[in-house]
């Protein structure tokens, strides 16, 4: 049986059309990501956008995003990151996305899995925080899932990476994990925010991050001299495959800067 495929984009950091962000044309990078989806993953069941959709939260940036994703043939679900402005986002994408408890969160079932896209943002914070309303919302969605395996996608990372970005981690991760542990099988927790790919097991839960579509950073773990560096790329999406025995996460660079080696080099 073929796996069900879906795609995650994160950290688009869009500005208004034609306005660069940190010297990068984030509109063009997002267009490249969408073109890669249409070229390689038109069979994806859905696309999730995991926050930092806009860099400064302008309504013009959200209108830009609205226009860009209009060409995708599959459903697109969005949540927010710390760079986003909730009111400006809702003014473009509709106030119906703002759940009274879950905020800009959604949950649905696909291929025998419960998919949860969780809003981890709190106005005024760069790090993440889950209010009691969202913890209760999450608990209810997990209870509904019963014995179905669960995939959670969000903006902020919950597990320590031992990197500078831990200064803006999900603040109340202990309460969050307590809620997750009420479900017997959380197969992946996938986050953006950190601008590099990581894989970890934390408190028994599999945790993954993707680099996202904006700049990337170097893995400045303890013992690495100097300062963490910001890199032009790679601009990256996650391609997730769901199957009965488990879940597989691939990382695909959609702003490829590498030379393609000639086929004759391989025997």
Protein backbone atom coordinates (compact mmCIF):
# COMPACT_ATOMS: atom_id res chain seq x y z
CA UNK A 1 0.00 0.00 0.00
CA UNK A 2 1.37 3.41 -0.97
CA UNK A 3 2.00 5.85 1.89
CA UNK A 4 0.00 9.02 2.23
CA UNK A 5 2.15 12.05 1.49
CA UNK A 6 1.93 15.58 2.83
CA UNK A 7 4.29 18.57 2.75
CA UNK A 8 5.29 21.04 5.46
CA UNK A 9 6.57 24.54 4.73
CA UNK A 10 7.78 26.81 7.50
CA UNK A 11 9.44 30.17 8.07
CA UNK A 12 8.50 31.80 4.79
CA UNK A 13 9.13 35.27 6.32
CA UNK A 14 7.28 36.98 3.51
CA UNK A 15 7.22 40.71 3.09
CA UNK A 16 5.01 42.66 0.72
CA UNK A 17 5.70 41.79 -2.94
CA UNK A 18 9.16 42.89 -4.02
CA UNK A 19 10.38 43.72 -0.50
CA UNK A 20 13.48 41.66 0.47
CA UNK A 21 13.87 40.23 3.97
CA UNK A 22 17.42 39.95 5.35
CA UNK A 23 18.63 40.49 1.80
CA UNK A 24 16.65 37.52 0.46
CA UNK A 25 13.71 37.53 -1.93
CA UNK A 26 11.40 35.49 0.24
CA UNK A 27 8.55 35.79 -2.25
CA UNK A 28 10.68 34.14 -4.91
CA UNK A 29 11.84 31.48 -2.46
CA UNK A 30 8.22 30.70 -1.59
CA UNK A 31 7.36 30.55 -5.29
CA UNK A 32 10.22 28.05 -5.74
CA UNK A 33 8.80 25.95 -2.90
CA UNK A 34 5.34 25.91 -4.43
CA UNK A 35 6.75 25.11 -7.87
CA UNK A 36 8.64 22.17 -6.33
CA UNK A 37 5.42 20.92 -4.76
CA UNK A 38 3.58 21.18 -8.07
CA UNK A 39 6.45 19.47 -9.89
CA UNK A 40 7.31 16.70 -7.43
CA UNK A 41 4.43 16.37 -4.97
CA UNK A 42 1.20 17.19 -6.80
CA UNK A 43 -0.04 13.90 -5.30
CA UNK A 44 0.35 15.25 -1.75
CA UNK A 45 -2.88 15.02 0.23
CA UNK A 46 -2.39 18.44 1.83
CA UNK A 47 0.19 21.11 2.70
CA UNK A 48 0.81 22.52 6.20
CA UNK A 49 2.36 25.96 6.76
CA UNK A 50 3.98 25.99 10.20
CA UNK A 51 4.28 29.67 11.04
CA UNK A 52 6.44 32.72 10.50
CA UNK A 53 4.42 33.19 7.35
CA UNK A 54 5.21 36.92 7.33
CA UNK A 55 8.37 38.55 8.61
CA UNK A 56 6.79 41.71 10.04
CA UNK A 57 3.14 40.69 10.10
CA UNK A 58 1.93 43.14 7.45
CA UNK A 59 -1.47 42.51 5.88
CA UNK A 60 0.22 43.00 2.48
CA UNK A 61 2.50 40.04 3.21
CA UNK A 62 -0.50 37.83 4.01
CA UNK A 63 -2.24 38.95 0.82
CA UNK A 64 0.95 38.02 -1.01
CA UNK A 65 0.85 34.56 0.59
CA UNK A 66 -2.86 34.19 -0.17
CA UNK A 67 -2.14 34.84 -3.86
CA UNK A 68 0.88 32.53 -3.93
CA UNK A 69 -0.84 29.47 -2.49
CA UNK A 70 -3.97 29.90 -4.62
CA UNK A 71 -2.37 27.73 -7.34
CA UNK A 72 -1.97 24.66 -5.11
CA UNK A 73 -4.53 21.97 -5.99
CA UNK A 74 -4.57 20.38 -2.52
CA UNK A 75 -5.90 21.75 0.79
CA UNK A 76 -3.55 24.12 2.64
CA UNK A 77 -3.69 24.55 6.43
CA UNK A 78 -1.88 27.38 8.21
CA UNK A 79 -0.78 28.30 11.71
CA UNK A 80 1.24 31.16 13.13
CA UNK A 81 4.78 31.83 14.32
CA UNK A 82 6.28 34.52 16.50
CA UNK A 83 6.86 36.85 13.53
CA UNK A 84 3.19 36.74 12.58
CA UNK A 85 0.46 39.19 13.53
CA UNK A 86 -2.76 37.37 14.38
CA UNK A 87 -5.14 40.25 13.54
CA UNK A 88 -3.48 41.00 10.19
CA UNK A 89 -3.42 37.29 9.30
CA UNK A 90 -7.11 36.85 10.14
CA UNK A 91 -8.02 39.99 8.19
CA UNK A 92 -6.80 38.21 5.05
CA UNK A 93 -7.48 34.52 5.71
CA UNK A 94 -10.70 34.92 7.71
CA UNK A 95 -11.68 35.06 11.35
CA UNK A 96 -13.15 31.55 11.12
CA UNK A 97 -9.60 30.23 11.54
CA UNK A 98 -9.41 31.65 15.08
CA UNK A 99 -10.79 28.90 17.32
CA UNK A 100 -11.96 30.21 20.73
CA UNK A 101 -9.70 27.72 22.55
CA UNK A 102 -7.22 26.45 19.98
CA UNK A 103 -6.59 29.81 18.27
CA UNK A 104 -5.13 29.21 14.79
CA UNK A 105 -4.98 25.45 15.27
CA UNK A 106 -6.68 22.66 13.37
CA UNK A 107 -7.07 18.91 13.60
CA UNK A 108 -8.26 16.33 11.09
CA UNK A 109 -7.81 12.68 10.18
CA UNK A 110 -5.90 11.27 7.20
CA UNK A 111 -4.82 7.72 6.36
CA UNK A 112 -5.80 6.47 9.80
CA UNK A 113 -3.77 9.21 11.53
CA UNK A 114 -4.84 12.26 13.51
CA UNK A 115 -3.04 15.37 12.17
CA UNK A 116 -2.81 18.32 14.57
CA UNK A 117 -1.51 21.72 13.47
CA UNK A 118 -0.95 23.60 16.72
CA UNK A 119 -0.66 27.34 17.30
CA UNK A 120 2.19 27.80 19.82
CA UNK A 121 2.37 31.62 19.67
CA UNK A 122 1.58 34.19 22.32
CA UNK A 123 1.39 37.93 21.47
CA UNK A 124 4.46 39.78 22.68
CA UNK A 125 6.60 36.65 23.01
CA UNK A 126 9.36 35.51 20.68
CA UNK A 127 9.38 32.12 22.37
CA UNK A 128 6.28 29.95 22.44
CA UNK A 129 3.65 29.37 25.09
CA UNK A 130 0.49 27.30 25.22
CA UNK A 131 -2.31 28.88 27.23
CA UNK A 132 -4.70 26.67 29.19
CA UNK A 133 -7.24 26.99 26.40
CA UNK A 134 -4.89 25.47 23.85
CA UNK A 135 -3.74 22.75 26.24
CA UNK A 136 -7.39 21.83 26.78
CA UNK A 137 -8.07 22.00 23.03
CA UNK A 138 -5.09 19.72 22.36
CA UNK A 139 -6.20 17.26 25.04
CA UNK A 140 -9.67 17.07 23.49
CA UNK A 141 -8.28 16.47 20.00
CA UNK A 142 -6.03 13.69 21.33
CA UNK A 143 -8.91 12.06 23.17
CA UNK A 144 -10.96 12.11 19.96
CA UNK A 145 -8.15 10.30 18.16
CA UNK A 146 -8.60 7.24 20.41
CA UNK A 147 -6.16 4.60 19.08
CA UNK A 148 -5.14 6.45 15.90
CA UNK A 149 -1.47 7.48 15.68
CA UNK A 150 -0.89 11.23 15.93
CA UNK A 151 1.34 13.69 14.07
CA UNK A 152 1.71 17.16 15.62
CA UNK A 153 3.06 20.08 13.57
CA UNK A 154 3.78 23.46 15.18
CA UNK A 155 6.05 26.48 14.99
CA UNK A 156 8.10 26.50 18.21
CA UNK A 157 10.32 23.60 19.19
CA UNK A 158 9.59 22.05 22.58
CA UNK A 159 12.74 19.98 23.17
CA UNK A 160 16.15 21.50 24.01
CA UNK A 161 18.51 21.54 21.05
CA UNK A 162 21.52 22.91 22.98
CA UNK A 163 21.66 25.76 20.49
CA UNK A 164 21.23 29.55 20.89
CA UNK A 165 17.60 29.22 19.73
CA UNK A 166 16.75 27.49 23.01
CA UNK A 167 16.45 31.01 24.44
CA UNK A 168 13.14 31.25 22.52
CA UNK A 169 11.84 27.69 22.98
CA UNK A 170 8.27 26.69 23.92
CA UNK A 171 8.17 27.94 27.51
CA UNK A 172 5.75 25.49 29.12
CA UNK A 173 6.98 22.35 27.40
CA UNK A 174 6.52 20.24 30.56
CA UNK A 175 2.77 20.92 30.60
CA UNK A 176 2.65 20.31 26.85
CA UNK A 177 4.35 16.91 27.11
CA UNK A 178 2.03 15.94 29.95
CA UNK A 179 -0.89 16.45 27.56
CA UNK A 180 0.82 14.60 24.69
CA UNK A 181 1.52 11.64 26.94
CA UNK A 182 -2.20 11.07 27.46
CA UNK A 183 -2.20 9.56 23.95
CA UNK A 184 -0.50 6.17 23.45
CA UNK A 185 1.12 6.87 20.10
CA UNK A 186 2.42 10.31 19.09
CA UNK A 187 4.58 9.35 16.13
CA UNK A 188 6.15 12.74 15.36
CA UNK A 189 6.22 16.28 16.68
CA UNK A 190 7.51 18.46 13.81
CA UNK A 191 8.43 22.12 14.28
CA UNK A 192 9.92 25.02 12.35
CA UNK A 193 11.32 28.14 14.05
CA UNK A 194 14.93 27.00 14.47
CA UNK A 195 16.07 27.38 10.83
CA UNK A 196 17.87 24.02 10.67
CA UNK A 197 16.90 20.35 10.53
CA UNK A 198 17.21 18.32 13.73
CA UNK A 199 16.02 14.95 14.97
CA UNK A 200 15.66 13.99 18.63
CA UNK A 201 13.84 11.84 21.14
CA UNK A 202 12.81 13.84 24.20
CA UNK A 203 10.85 12.47 27.13
CA UNK A 204 10.09 9.46 24.95
CA UNK A 205 8.65 11.54 22.08
CA UNK A 206 10.15 11.78 18.57
CA UNK A 207 10.91 15.43 17.81
CA UNK A 208 11.90 16.84 14.41
CA UNK A 209 12.58 20.31 13.03
CA UNK A 210 12.98 21.53 9.46
CA UNK A 211 15.10 24.41 8.23
CA UNK A 212 12.27 26.18 6.42
CA UNK A 213 12.29 28.54 3.46
CA UNK A 214 14.18 31.54 4.85
CA UNK A 215 17.87 31.64 5.87
CA UNK A 216 19.43 28.65 7.65
CA UNK A 217 21.83 28.58 10.60
CA UNK A 218 24.82 26.44 11.48
CA UNK A 219 24.51 23.78 14.24
CA UNK A 220 26.31 25.81 16.89
CA UNK A 221 26.30 23.15 19.60
CA UNK A 222 28.38 23.51 22.81
CA UNK A 223 32.09 23.41 22.05
CA UNK A 224 31.85 25.01 18.60
CA UNK A 225 34.03 28.15 18.61
CA UNK A 226 32.91 31.58 17.44
CA UNK A 227 29.34 32.61 16.76
CA UNK A 228 26.52 30.89 14.97
CA UNK A 229 26.43 31.78 11.28
CA UNK A 230 23.41 32.60 9.13
CA UNK A 231 23.44 30.96 5.69
CA UNK A 232 21.55 31.77 2.50
CA UNK A 233 20.14 28.25 2.37
CA UNK A 234 19.21 25.62 1.74
CA UNK A 235 15.57 26.60 1.55
CA UNK A 236 13.86 23.44 2.70
CA UNK A 237 10.52 21.68 3.00
CA UNK A 238 9.60 18.49 4.81
CA UNK A 239 7.92 15.70 2.87
CA UNK A 240 6.10 13.37 5.27
CA UNK A 241 5.02 9.84 4.38
CA UNK A 242 2.42 8.13 6.56
CA UNK A 243 2.08 4.36 6.48
CA UNK A 244 0.58 1.79 8.86
CA UNK A 245 3.93 0.79 10.35
CA UNK A 246 5.21 4.31 11.00
CA UNK A 247 6.08 7.71 9.56
CA UNK A 248 9.02 8.88 7.45
CA UNK A 249 10.15 12.51 7.15
CA UNK A 250 12.27 13.57 4.17
CA UNK A 251 13.91 16.99 3.83
CA UNK A 252 13.86 18.45 0.33
CA UNK A 253 15.76 21.59 -0.61
CA UNK A 254 13.59 23.70 -2.87
CA UNK A 255 16.24 26.36 -3.48
CA UNK A 256 18.87 23.99 -4.82
CA UNK A 257 22.33 25.51 -5.08
CA UNK A 258 24.26 22.27 -5.63
CA UNK A 259 25.69 20.98 -8.89
CA UNK A 260 24.09 17.86 -10.33
CA UNK A 261 26.77 15.21 -10.82
CA UNK A 262 26.96 13.61 -14.24
CA UNK A 263 25.35 10.12 -14.39
CA UNK A 264 28.57 8.75 -15.89
CA UNK A 265 30.32 9.25 -12.55
CA UNK A 266 28.28 6.37 -11.09
CA UNK A 267 28.66 2.72 -12.09
